């Protein structure tokens, strides 16, 4: 375990506050600090989460704070940005997200952060790339949740379609955290058996996985619980040095034939962040789908640089 288990969440909106609650409920950290440009919001959200701790079996301090709290944090989480509206893609948020990230980077860069920085701001892959460059951090230290939430949705869909418990399913969503995400079905196992043993429809599974976020937004206006738990799983890998394999949006330097962009791929994650990028053996069709998704990311990464 790390000697200090402090997590700072920058952005106290729907996503940031639900991440704070999921982290508090998990018991993996000793202190959670919420920071927001609207200080009253950060204070209120932290107080609300702190009230829930009274009935938890473990102790955790939840409070609001300042950017300077990141200097001795075990993990910094970036959850700023505006929520998607019905009909919007994550890429539609690019302009405003870059403006906000630019302002945030001006506050964080002088702090010379040494802890891992994980961003969940949309569009996830482009935001992770922009923040990493702006902070001058290495690819192992600054990355995004990427297709981690997509993977949670994929496992749910596979479980519902196959009738097999989620804990017996191994699968990853890869590529963009968005409408071009892909699934390497050749690497999916259900109860130890290959995907094709179950005669499920690949197109249906992919469509359901991609559409899940918009279904939630159209029904209630925002996603929050899924990403809160997904972030907690990634945080646990870091704070507990678990070295689990989870998808993350990390800078690729030749892996999967791609370079210069962040993309959701399976990674071994531990105390210092990304320890290894796992390169699955993709079929020719899967490789083409991943390349197409990376092209979408690359185009918008170039657009972000010009904002």
C-alpha atoms as a PDB file:
ATOM      1  CA  UNK A   1       0.000   0.000   0.000  1.00  0.00           C
ATOM      2  CA  UNK A   2       1.112   3.580  -0.565  1.00  0.00           C
ATOM      3  CA  UNK A   3       2.009   5.497   2.586  1.00  0.00           C
ATOM      4  CA  UNK A   4      -0.296   8.323   1.596  1.00  0.00           C
ATOM      5  CA  UNK A   5      -3.606   7.484  -0.006  1.00  0.00           C
ATOM      6  CA  UNK A   6      -4.986  10.841  -1.018  1.00  0.00           C
ATOM      7  CA  UNK A   7      -7.013  11.388  -4.178  1.00  0.00           C
ATOM      8  CA  UNK A   8      -7.745  14.827  -5.591  1.00  0.00           C
ATOM      9  CA  UNK A   9     -10.666  15.159  -8.005  1.00  0.00           C
ATOM     10  CA  UNK A  10     -10.709  18.321 -10.097  1.00  0.00           C
ATOM     11  CA  UNK A  11     -14.264  18.995 -11.215  1.00  0.00           C
ATOM     12  CA  UNK A  12     -17.172  18.637  -8.785  1.00  0.00           C
ATOM     13  CA  UNK A  13     -20.048  18.176 -11.204  1.00  0.00           C
ATOM     14  CA  UNK A  14     -22.137  15.037 -11.783  1.00  0.00           C
ATOM     15  CA  UNK A  15     -19.160  12.894 -12.765  1.00  0.00           C
ATOM     16  CA  UNK A  16     -16.634  14.227 -10.271  1.00  0.00           C
ATOM     17  CA  UNK A  17     -19.009  13.968  -7.308  1.00  0.00           C
ATOM     18  CA  UNK A  18     -20.096  10.429  -8.207  1.00  0.00           C
ATOM     19  CA  UNK A  19     -16.454   9.435  -8.521  1.00  0.00           C
ATOM     20  CA  UNK A  20     -15.907  10.867  -5.048  1.00  0.00           C
ATOM     21  CA  UNK A  21     -18.798   8.843  -3.643  1.00  0.00           C
ATOM     22  CA  UNK A  22     -17.668   5.620  -5.348  1.00  0.00           C
ATOM     23  CA  UNK A  23     -14.154   6.124  -4.002  1.00  0.00           C
ATOM     24  CA  UNK A  24     -15.447   6.859  -0.506  1.00  0.00           C
ATOM     25  CA  UNK A  25     -17.605   3.731  -0.537  1.00  0.00           C
ATOM     26  CA  UNK A  26     -14.722   1.550  -1.739  1.00  0.00           C
ATOM     27  CA  UNK A  27     -12.436   2.254   1.210  1.00  0.00           C
ATOM     28  CA  UNK A  28      -9.293   2.342  -0.945  1.00  0.00           C
ATOM     29  CA  UNK A  29      -8.161   5.805   0.149  1.00  0.00           C
ATOM     30  CA  UNK A  30      -7.886   7.830   3.331  1.00  0.00           C
ATOM     31  CA  UNK A  31      -8.629  11.271   1.916  1.00  0.00           C
ATOM     32  CA  UNK A  32     -10.649  12.623  -1.016  1.00  0.00           C
ATOM     33  CA  UNK A  33     -10.365  16.280  -1.999  1.00  0.00           C
ATOM     34  CA  UNK A  34     -12.806  17.929  -4.409  1.00  0.00           C
ATOM     35  CA  UNK A  35     -11.617  21.003  -6.304  1.00  0.00           C
ATOM     36  CA  UNK A  36     -13.752  23.146  -8.592  1.00  0.00           C
ATOM     37  CA  UNK A  37     -13.612  26.632 -10.061  1.00  0.00           C
ATOM     38  CA  UNK A  38     -16.937  27.153  -8.257  1.00  0.00           C
ATOM     39  CA  UNK A  39     -15.705  26.682  -4.708  1.00  0.00           C
ATOM     40  CA  UNK A  40     -19.193  26.623  -3.217  1.00  0.00           C
ATOM     41  CA  UNK A  41     -20.055  23.617  -5.370  1.00  0.00           C
ATOM     42  CA  UNK A  42     -16.917  21.713  -4.354  1.00  0.00           C
ATOM     43  CA  UNK A  43     -17.640  22.445  -0.695  1.00  0.00           C
ATOM     44  CA  UNK A  44     -21.270  21.306  -0.956  1.00  0.00           C
ATOM     45  CA  UNK A  45     -20.488  18.131  -2.905  1.00  0.00           C
ATOM     46  CA  UNK A  46     -17.705  17.203  -0.486  1.00  0.00           C
ATOM     47  CA  UNK A  47     -19.992  17.808   2.488  1.00  0.00           C
ATOM     48  CA  UNK A  48     -22.721  15.648   0.959  1.00  0.00           C
ATOM     49  CA  UNK A  49     -20.317  12.755   0.317  1.00  0.00           C
ATOM     50  CA  UNK A  50     -18.780  13.215   3.768  1.00  0.00           C
ATOM     51  CA  UNK A  51     -22.207  12.740   5.371  1.00  0.00           C
ATOM     52  CA  UNK A  52     -22.485   9.300   3.766  1.00  0.00           C
ATOM     53  CA  UNK A  53     -19.229   8.179   5.395  1.00  0.00           C
ATOM     54  CA  UNK A  54     -20.907   8.108   8.817  1.00  0.00           C
ATOM     55  CA  UNK A  55     -22.542   4.808   7.890  1.00  0.00           C
ATOM     56  CA  UNK A  56     -19.581   3.204   6.115  1.00  0.00           C
ATOM     57  CA  UNK A  57     -17.460   0.491   7.770  1.00  0.00           C
ATOM     58  CA  UNK A  58     -14.239   2.411   7.122  1.00  0.00           C
ATOM     59  CA  UNK A  59     -12.952   5.928   7.696  1.00  0.00           C
ATOM     60  CA  UNK A  60     -12.223   8.423   4.926  1.00  0.00           C
ATOM     61  CA  UNK A  61     -11.922  12.198   5.022  1.00  0.00           C
ATOM     62  CA  UNK A  62     -13.839  14.004   2.266  1.00  0.00           C
ATOM     63  CA  UNK A  63     -13.333  17.750   1.880  1.00  0.00           C
ATOM     64  CA  UNK A  64     -12.987  20.539  -0.658  1.00  0.00           C
ATOM     65  CA  UNK A  65      -9.603  22.032  -1.397  1.00  0.00           C
ATOM     66  CA  UNK A  66      -7.284  23.834  -3.799  1.00  0.00           C
ATOM     67  CA  UNK A  67      -5.109  22.899  -6.766  1.00  0.00           C
ATOM     68  CA  UNK A  68      -2.130  22.846  -4.390  1.00  0.00           C
ATOM     69  CA  UNK A  69      -3.617  19.718  -2.792  1.00  0.00           C
ATOM     70  CA  UNK A  70      -2.362  17.814  -5.844  1.00  0.00           C
ATOM     71  CA  UNK A  71       1.268  18.220  -4.774  1.00  0.00           C
ATOM     72  CA  UNK A  72       1.084  15.454  -2.162  1.00  0.00           C
ATOM     73  CA  UNK A  73      -1.688  13.384  -3.726  1.00  0.00           C
ATOM     74  CA  UNK A  74      -1.381   9.709  -4.597  1.00  0.00           C
ATOM     75  CA  UNK A  75      -3.611  10.284  -7.616  1.00  0.00           C
ATOM     76  CA  UNK A  76      -5.107  13.302  -9.369  1.00  0.00           C
ATOM     77  CA  UNK A  77      -8.344  12.820 -11.323  1.00  0.00           C
ATOM     78  CA  UNK A  78      -9.478  15.334 -13.958  1.00  0.00           C
ATOM     79  CA  UNK A  79     -13.274  15.468 -14.256  1.00  0.00           C
ATOM     80  CA  UNK A  80     -13.859  18.930 -15.694  1.00  0.00           C
ATOM     81  CA  UNK A  81     -16.000  19.653 -18.724  1.00  0.00           C
ATOM     82  CA  UNK A  82     -19.565  20.033 -19.862  1.00  0.00           C
ATOM     83  CA  UNK A  83     -21.970  17.066 -20.039  1.00  0.00           C
ATOM     84  CA  UNK A  84     -23.120  15.608 -23.325  1.00  0.00           C
ATOM     85  CA  UNK A  85     -26.597  16.560 -24.467  1.00  0.00           C
ATOM     86  CA  UNK A  86     -28.986  14.178 -26.225  1.00  0.00           C
ATOM     87  CA  UNK A  87     -27.819  13.767 -29.819  1.00  0.00           C
ATOM     88  CA  UNK A  88     -24.267  14.982 -29.128  1.00  0.00           C
ATOM     89  CA  UNK A  89     -21.221  12.802 -29.642  1.00  0.00           C
ATOM     90  CA  UNK A  90     -18.289  13.072 -27.263  1.00  0.00           C
ATOM     91  CA  UNK A  91     -16.306  14.688 -30.072  1.00  0.00           C
ATOM     92  CA  UNK A  92     -18.803  17.558 -30.120  1.00  0.00           C
ATOM     93  CA  UNK A  93     -17.392  18.607 -26.734  1.00  0.00           C
ATOM     94  CA  UNK A  94     -13.879  19.110 -28.089  1.00  0.00           C
ATOM     95  CA  UNK A  95     -13.747  22.919 -28.300  1.00  0.00           C
ATOM     96  CA  UNK A  96     -15.009  23.687 -24.820  1.00  0.00           C
ATOM     97  CA  UNK A  97     -13.039  20.862 -23.242  1.00  0.00           C
ATOM     98  CA  UNK A  98      -9.778  22.117 -24.735  1.00  0.00           C
ATOM     99  CA  UNK A  99     -10.475  25.633 -23.453  1.00  0.00           C
ATOM    100  CA  UNK A 100     -11.066  24.286 -19.942  1.00  0.00           C
ATOM    101  CA  UNK A 101      -8.025  21.994 -20.068  1.00  0.00           C
ATOM    102  CA  UNK A 102      -5.846  24.887 -21.193  1.00  0.00           C
ATOM    103  CA  UNK A 103      -6.932  26.919 -18.159  1.00  0.00           C
ATOM    104  CA  UNK A 104      -6.429  23.944 -15.851  1.00  0.00           C
ATOM    105  CA  UNK A 105      -2.961  23.183 -17.206  1.00  0.00           C
ATOM    106  CA  UNK A 106      -1.858  26.725 -16.408  1.00  0.00           C
ATOM    107  CA  UNK A 107      -2.758  26.030 -12.766  1.00  0.00           C
ATOM    108  CA  UNK A 108      -1.272  22.534 -12.538  1.00  0.00           C
ATOM    109  CA  UNK A 109       1.959  22.769 -14.531  1.00  0.00           C
ATOM    110  CA  UNK A 110       3.762  25.000 -11.972  1.00  0.00           C
ATOM    111  CA  UNK A 111       3.018  22.348  -9.330  1.00  0.00           C
ATOM    112  CA  UNK A 112       5.222  19.780 -11.153  1.00  0.00           C
ATOM    113  CA  UNK A 113       2.992  16.861 -10.205  1.00  0.00           C
ATOM    114  CA  UNK A 114       4.671  13.545  -9.432  1.00  0.00           C
ATOM    115  CA  UNK A 115       1.559  11.391  -8.936  1.00  0.00           C
ATOM    116  CA  UNK A 116      -0.336   9.666 -11.761  1.00  0.00           C
ATOM    117  CA  UNK A 117      -2.915  11.911 -13.437  1.00  0.00           C
ATOM    118  CA  UNK A 118      -6.032  10.236 -14.848  1.00  0.00           C
ATOM    119  CA  UNK A 119      -8.500  12.204 -16.949  1.00  0.00           C
ATOM    120  CA  UNK A 120     -12.122  11.305 -17.626  1.00  0.00           C
ATOM    121  CA  UNK A 121     -12.934  14.529 -19.471  1.00  0.00           C
ATOM    122  CA  UNK A 122     -14.546  14.006 -22.898  1.00  0.00           C
ATOM    123  CA  UNK A 123     -13.587  13.508 -25.646  1.00  0.00           C
ATOM    124  CA  UNK A 124     -11.494  11.115 -23.553  1.00  0.00           C
ATOM    125  CA  UNK A 125      -8.621  10.232 -25.863  1.00  0.00           C
ATOM    126  CA  UNK A 126      -8.066  13.737 -27.203  1.00  0.00           C
ATOM    127  CA  UNK A 127      -8.378  15.263 -23.727  1.00  0.00           C
ATOM    128  CA  UNK A 128      -5.802  12.842 -22.305  1.00  0.00           C
ATOM    129  CA  UNK A 129      -3.373  13.674 -25.091  1.00  0.00           C
ATOM    130  CA  UNK A 130      -3.877  17.421 -24.727  1.00  0.00           C
ATOM    131  CA  UNK A 131      -3.426  17.379 -20.956  1.00  0.00           C
ATOM    132  CA  UNK A 132      -0.335  15.154 -21.062  1.00  0.00           C
ATOM    133  CA  UNK A 133       1.347  17.474 -23.546  1.00  0.00           C
ATOM    134  CA  UNK A 134       0.294  20.603 -21.643  1.00  0.00           C
ATOM    135  CA  UNK A 135       1.694  19.263 -18.355  1.00  0.00           C
ATOM    136  CA  UNK A 136       4.832  17.849 -19.941  1.00  0.00           C
ATOM    137  CA  UNK A 137       4.243  14.435 -18.361  1.00  0.00           C
ATOM    138  CA  UNK A 138       5.241  10.979 -19.535  1.00  0.00           C
ATOM    139  CA  UNK A 139       2.767   8.596 -21.117  1.00  0.00           C
ATOM    140  CA  UNK A 140       2.891   6.205 -18.174  1.00  0.00           C
ATOM    141  CA  UNK A 141       1.965   8.947 -15.715  1.00  0.00           C
ATOM    142  CA  UNK A 142      -0.784  10.880 -17.533  1.00  0.00           C
ATOM    143  CA  UNK A 143      -3.531   8.928 -19.269  1.00  0.00           C
ATOM    144  CA  UNK A 144      -7.300   8.584 -19.526  1.00  0.00           C
ATOM    145  CA  UNK A 145      -9.930   6.052 -18.547  1.00  0.00           C
ATOM    146  CA  UNK A 146     -10.605   5.660 -22.276  1.00  0.00           C
ATOM    147  CA  UNK A 147     -12.542   2.502 -23.089  1.00  0.00           C
ATOM    148  CA  UNK A 148     -12.708   1.295 -19.478  1.00  0.00           C
ATOM    149  CA  UNK A 149     -16.365   2.314 -19.207  1.00  0.00           C
ATOM    150  CA  UNK A 150     -17.045   0.882 -22.674  1.00  0.00           C
ATOM    151  CA  UNK A 151     -15.575  -2.386 -21.403  1.00  0.00           C
ATOM    152  CA  UNK A 152     -17.933  -2.391 -18.420  1.00  0.00           C
ATOM    153  CA  UNK A 153     -20.831  -1.945 -20.821  1.00  0.00           C
ATOM    154  CA  UNK A 154     -19.489  -4.663 -23.107  1.00  0.00           C
ATOM    155  CA  UNK A 155     -19.240  -7.171 -20.267  1.00  0.00           C
ATOM    156  CA  UNK A 156     -22.808  -6.341 -19.227  1.00  0.00           C
ATOM    157  CA  UNK A 157     -24.052  -6.896 -22.780  1.00  0.00           C
ATOM    158  CA  UNK A 158     -22.157 -10.184 -23.097  1.00  0.00           C
ATOM    159  CA  UNK A 159     -23.529 -11.413 -19.783  1.00  0.00           C
ATOM    160  CA  UNK A 160     -27.093 -10.571 -20.735  1.00  0.00           C
ATOM    161  CA  UNK A 161     -26.755 -12.217 -24.148  1.00  0.00           C
ATOM    162  CA  UNK A 162     -24.979 -15.375 -22.959  1.00  0.00           C
ATOM    163  CA  UNK A 163     -26.578 -15.889 -19.540  1.00  0.00           C
ATOM    164  CA  UNK A 164     -23.101 -16.205 -17.995  1.00  0.00           C
ATOM    165  CA  UNK A 165     -22.137 -14.207 -14.904  1.00  0.00           C
ATOM    166  CA  UNK A 166     -20.050 -11.098 -15.588  1.00  0.00           C
ATOM    167  CA  UNK A 167     -17.193 -12.329 -13.390  1.00  0.00           C
ATOM    168  CA  UNK A 168     -16.703 -15.251 -15.802  1.00  0.00           C
ATOM    169  CA  UNK A 169     -16.286 -12.996 -18.830  1.00  0.00           C
ATOM    170  CA  UNK A 170     -12.994 -11.583 -20.123  1.00  0.00           C
ATOM    171  CA  UNK A 171     -13.337  -8.876 -22.769  1.00  0.00           C
ATOM    172  CA  UNK A 172     -12.020  -5.454 -23.769  1.00  0.00           C
ATOM    173  CA  UNK A 173     -13.389  -2.562 -25.773  1.00  0.00           C
ATOM    174  CA  UNK A 174     -10.608  -0.730 -27.631  1.00  0.00           C
ATOM    175  CA  UNK A 175      -9.985   2.373 -29.693  1.00  0.00           C
ATOM    176  CA  UNK A 176     -11.850   5.632 -29.201  1.00  0.00           C
ATOM    177  CA  UNK A 177     -14.086   6.151 -26.198  1.00  0.00           C
ATOM    178  CA  UNK A 178     -16.824   6.992 -28.650  1.00  0.00           C
ATOM    179  CA  UNK A 179     -18.791   5.900 -31.666  1.00  0.00           C
ATOM    180  CA  UNK A 180     -15.806   4.312 -33.460  1.00  0.00           C
ATOM    181  CA  UNK A 181     -14.821   1.993 -30.586  1.00  0.00           C
ATOM    182  CA  UNK A 182     -14.179  -1.624 -31.544  1.00  0.00           C
ATOM    183  CA  UNK A 183     -14.236  -5.014 -29.871  1.00  0.00           C
ATOM    184  CA  UNK A 184     -11.547  -7.654 -30.445  1.00  0.00           C
ATOM    185  CA  UNK A 185     -13.980 -10.584 -30.304  1.00  0.00           C
ATOM    186  CA  UNK A 186     -11.109 -12.989 -31.010  1.00  0.00           C
ATOM    187  CA  UNK A 187      -9.822 -12.216 -27.480  1.00  0.00           C
ATOM    188  CA  UNK A 188     -13.209 -12.513 -25.737  1.00  0.00           C
ATOM    189  CA  UNK A 189     -13.782 -15.530 -23.506  1.00  0.00           C
ATOM    190  CA  UNK A 190     -17.038 -16.433 -21.769  1.00  0.00           C
ATOM    191  CA  UNK A 191     -16.630 -18.979 -19.019  1.00  0.00           C
ATOM    192  CA  UNK A 192     -13.247 -19.825 -20.509  1.00  0.00           C
ATOM    193  CA  UNK A 193     -14.737 -20.547 -23.932  1.00  0.00           C
ATOM    194  CA  UNK A 194     -14.116 -18.409 -27.031  1.00  0.00           C
ATOM    195  CA  UNK A 195     -16.804 -15.931 -28.066  1.00  0.00           C
ATOM    196  CA  UNK A 196     -17.767 -17.925 -31.161  1.00  0.00           C
ATOM    197  CA  UNK A 197     -18.820 -20.870 -28.988  1.00  0.00           C
ATOM    198  CA  UNK A 198     -21.957 -18.944 -28.002  1.00  0.00           C
ATOM    199  CA  UNK A 199     -23.202 -17.991 -31.486  1.00  0.00           C
ATOM    200  CA  UNK A 200     -23.925 -14.410 -30.432  1.00  0.00           C
ATOM    201  CA  UNK A 201     -24.326 -11.564 -32.902  1.00  0.00           C
ATOM    202  CA  UNK A 202     -21.174  -9.426 -32.997  1.00  0.00           C
ATOM    203  CA  UNK A 203     -22.878  -6.452 -34.633  1.00  0.00           C
ATOM    204  CA  UNK A 204     -25.601  -6.375 -31.975  1.00  0.00           C
ATOM    205  CA  UNK A 205     -23.073  -6.535 -29.131  1.00  0.00           C
ATOM    206  CA  UNK A 206     -20.971  -3.745 -30.661  1.00  0.00           C
ATOM    207  CA  UNK A 207     -24.017  -1.560 -31.308  1.00  0.00           C
ATOM    208  CA  UNK A 208     -25.332  -2.008 -27.760  1.00  0.00           C
ATOM    209  CA  UNK A 209     -21.922  -1.226 -26.288  1.00  0.00           C
ATOM    210  CA  UNK A 210     -21.519   1.957 -28.336  1.00  0.00           C
ATOM    211  CA  UNK A 211     -25.089   3.134 -27.776  1.00  0.00           C
ATOM    212  CA  UNK A 212     -25.274   2.570 -24.017  1.00  0.00           C
ATOM    213  CA  UNK A 213     -23.998   6.016 -23.056  1.00  0.00           C
ATOM    214  CA  UNK A 214     -26.497   7.844 -25.259  1.00  0.00           C
ATOM    215  CA  UNK A 215     -29.345   5.626 -24.017  1.00  0.00           C
ATOM    216  CA  UNK A 216     -28.526   6.784 -20.485  1.00  0.00           C
ATOM    217  CA  UNK A 217     -28.206  10.459 -21.459  1.00  0.00           C
ATOM    218  CA  UNK A 218     -31.496  10.433 -23.362  1.00  0.00           C
ATOM    219  CA  UNK A 219     -33.231   8.775 -20.433  1.00  0.00           C
ATOM    220  CA  UNK A 220     -31.917  10.840 -17.501  1.00  0.00           C
ATOM    221  CA  UNK A 221     -29.586  13.537 -18.806  1.00  0.00           C
ATOM    222  CA  UNK A 222     -26.169  12.287 -17.690  1.00  0.00           C
ATOM    223  CA  UNK A 223     -24.008   9.264 -16.985  1.00  0.00           C
ATOM    224  CA  UNK A 224     -22.412   9.044 -13.556  1.00  0.00           C
ATOM    225  CA  UNK A 225     -22.588   5.728 -11.694  1.00  0.00           C
ATOM    226  CA  UNK A 226     -20.761   3.654 -14.306  1.00  0.00           C
ATOM    227  CA  UNK A 227     -17.825   6.034 -14.676  1.00  0.00           C
ATOM    228  CA  UNK A 228     -17.650   6.477 -10.906  1.00  0.00           C
ATOM    229  CA  UNK A 229     -17.112   2.767 -10.417  1.00  0.00           C
ATOM    230  CA  UNK A 230     -14.802   2.479 -13.425  1.00  0.00           C
ATOM    231  CA  UNK A 231     -12.577   5.246 -12.079  1.00  0.00           C
ATOM    232  CA  UNK A 232     -12.534   3.542  -8.687  1.00  0.00           C
ATOM    233  CA  UNK A 233     -11.268   0.304 -10.250  1.00  0.00           C
ATOM    234  CA  UNK A 234      -8.425   2.193 -11.936  1.00  0.00           C
ATOM    235  CA  UNK A 235      -7.640   4.103  -8.756  1.00  0.00           C
ATOM    236  CA  UNK A 236      -7.481   0.835  -6.835  1.00  0.00           C
ATOM    237  CA  UNK A 237      -4.896  -0.498  -9.291  1.00  0.00           C
ATOM    238  CA  UNK A 238      -2.731   2.540  -8.607  1.00  0.00           C
ATOM    239  CA  UNK A 239      -3.127   2.945  -4.859  1.00  0.00           C
ATOM    240  CA  UNK A 240      -2.851  -0.780  -4.153  1.00  0.00           C
ATOM    241  CA  UNK A 241      -0.253  -1.496  -6.842  1.00  0.00           C
ATOM    242  CA  UNK A 242      -2.513  -4.277  -8.111  1.00  0.00           C
ATOM    243  CA  UNK A 243      -0.964  -4.641 -11.579  1.00  0.00           C
ATOM    244  CA  UNK A 244      -4.318  -5.622 -13.069  1.00  0.00           C
ATOM    245  CA  UNK A 245      -5.029  -5.473 -16.789  1.00  0.00           C
ATOM    246  CA  UNK A 246      -7.550  -2.738 -17.577  1.00  0.00           C
ATOM    247  CA  UNK A 247      -8.102  -0.677 -20.718  1.00  0.00           C
ATOM    248  CA  UNK A 248      -6.777   2.883 -20.561  1.00  0.00           C
ATOM    249  CA  UNK A 249      -6.272   5.686 -23.066  1.00  0.00           C
ATOM    250  CA  UNK A 250      -2.487   5.860 -23.281  1.00  0.00           C
ATOM    251  CA  UNK A 251      -0.070   7.360 -25.809  1.00  0.00           C
ATOM    252  CA  UNK A 252       0.914   4.708 -28.344  1.00  0.00           C
ATOM    253  CA  UNK A 253       4.497   4.578 -29.586  1.00  0.00           C
ATOM    254  CA  UNK A 254       4.296   1.850 -32.194  1.00  0.00           C
ATOM    255  CA  UNK A 255       1.944  -0.509 -30.344  1.00  0.00           C
ATOM    256  CA  UNK A 256      -0.797  -1.855 -32.624  1.00  0.00           C
ATOM    257  CA  UNK A 257       0.945  -0.055 -35.489  1.00  0.00           C
ATOM    258  CA  UNK A 258      -0.024   3.373 -34.135  1.00  0.00           C
ATOM    259  CA  UNK A 259       2.055   6.299 -32.885  1.00  0.00           C
ATOM    260  CA  UNK A 260       1.460   9.800 -31.589  1.00  0.00           C
ATOM    261  CA  UNK A 261      -2.101   9.380 -30.320  1.00  0.00           C
ATOM    262  CA  UNK A 262      -3.885   8.245 -27.184  1.00  0.00           C
ATOM    263  CA  UNK A 263      -6.050   5.175 -27.703  1.00  0.00           C
ATOM    264  CA  UNK A 264      -7.931   2.752 -25.459  1.00  0.00           C
ATOM    265  CA  UNK A 265      -5.879  -0.443 -25.130  1.00  0.00           C
ATOM    266  CA  UNK A 266      -5.389  -3.069 -22.384  1.00  0.00           C
ATOM    267  CA  UNK A 267      -2.681  -2.007 -19.915  1.00  0.00           C
ATOM    268  CA  UNK A 268      -1.071  -3.357 -16.769  1.00  0.00           C
ATOM    269  CA  UNK A 269      -1.664  -0.657 -14.177  1.00  0.00           C
ATOM    270  CA  UNK A 270       0.182  -0.283 -10.886  1.00  0.00           C
ATOM    271  CA  UNK A 271       1.539   2.224  -8.426  1.00  0.00           C
ATOM    272  CA  UNK A 272       3.262   4.434 -10.973  1.00  0.00           C
ATOM    273  CA  UNK A 273       0.490   4.293 -13.583  1.00  0.00           C
ATOM    274  CA  UNK A 274       0.842   2.437 -16.887  1.00  0.00           C
ATOM    275  CA  UNK A 275       3.450  -0.303 -16.465  1.00  0.00           C
ATOM    276  CA  UNK A 276       2.919  -2.178 -19.726  1.00  0.00           C
ATOM    277  CA  UNK A 277       0.733  -1.973 -22.807  1.00  0.00           C
ATOM    278  CA  UNK A 278      -0.707  -5.386 -23.591  1.00  0.00           C
ATOM    279  CA  UNK A 279      -0.669  -6.130 -27.322  1.00  0.00           C
ATOM    280  CA  UNK A 280      -3.439  -8.556 -28.219  1.00  0.00           C
ATOM    281  CA  UNK A 281      -3.118 -10.576 -31.403  1.00  0.00           C
ATOM    282  CA  UNK A 282      -5.884  -9.053 -33.520  1.00  0.00           C
ATOM    283  CA  UNK A 283      -7.389 -10.526 -36.657  1.00  0.00           C
ATOM    284  CA  UNK A 284      -6.933  -8.591 -39.910  1.00  0.00           C
ATOM    285  CA  UNK A 285     -10.520  -7.307 -39.650  1.00  0.00           C
ATOM    286  CA  UNK A 286     -10.057  -6.221 -36.042  1.00  0.00           C
ATOM    287  CA  UNK A 287      -6.808  -4.437 -36.902  1.00  0.00           C
ATOM    288  CA  UNK A 288      -8.594  -2.492 -39.648  1.00  0.00           C
ATOM    289  CA  UNK A 289     -11.356  -1.479 -37.237  1.00  0.00           C
ATOM    290  CA  UNK A 290      -8.789  -0.295 -34.694  1.00  0.00           C
ATOM    291  CA  UNK A 291      -6.929   1.673 -37.357  1.00  0.00           C
ATOM    292  CA  UNK A 292     -10.181   3.344 -38.436  1.00  0.00           C
ATOM    293  CA  UNK A 293     -10.908   4.322 -34.837  1.00  0.00           C
ATOM    294  CA  UNK A 294      -7.390   5.688 -34.442  1.00  0.00           C
ATOM    295  CA  UNK A 295      -7.876   7.812 -37.536  1.00  0.00           C
ATOM    296  CA  UNK A 296     -10.880   9.456 -35.873  1.00  0.00           C
ATOM    297  CA  UNK A 297      -8.782  10.140 -32.775  1.00  0.00           C
ATOM    298  CA  UNK A 298      -5.848  11.441 -34.825  1.00  0.00           C
ATOM    299  CA  UNK A 299      -8.027  13.874 -36.776  1.00  0.00           C
ATOM    300  CA  UNK A 300      -9.497  15.400 -33.635  1.00  0.00           C
ATOM    301  CA  UNK A 301      -6.162  15.440 -31.805  1.00  0.00           C
ATOM    302  CA  UNK A 302      -4.843  17.617 -34.632  1.00  0.00           C
ATOM    303  CA  UNK A 303      -7.933  19.829 -34.336  1.00  0.00           C
ATOM    304  CA  UNK A 304      -7.334  20.245 -30.591  1.00  0.00           C
ATOM    305  CA  UNK A 305      -3.804  21.468 -31.234  1.00  0.00           C
ATOM    306  CA  UNK A 306      -5.197  24.332 -33.298  1.00  0.00           C
ATOM    307  CA  UNK A 307      -7.671  25.584 -30.680  1.00  0.00           C
END
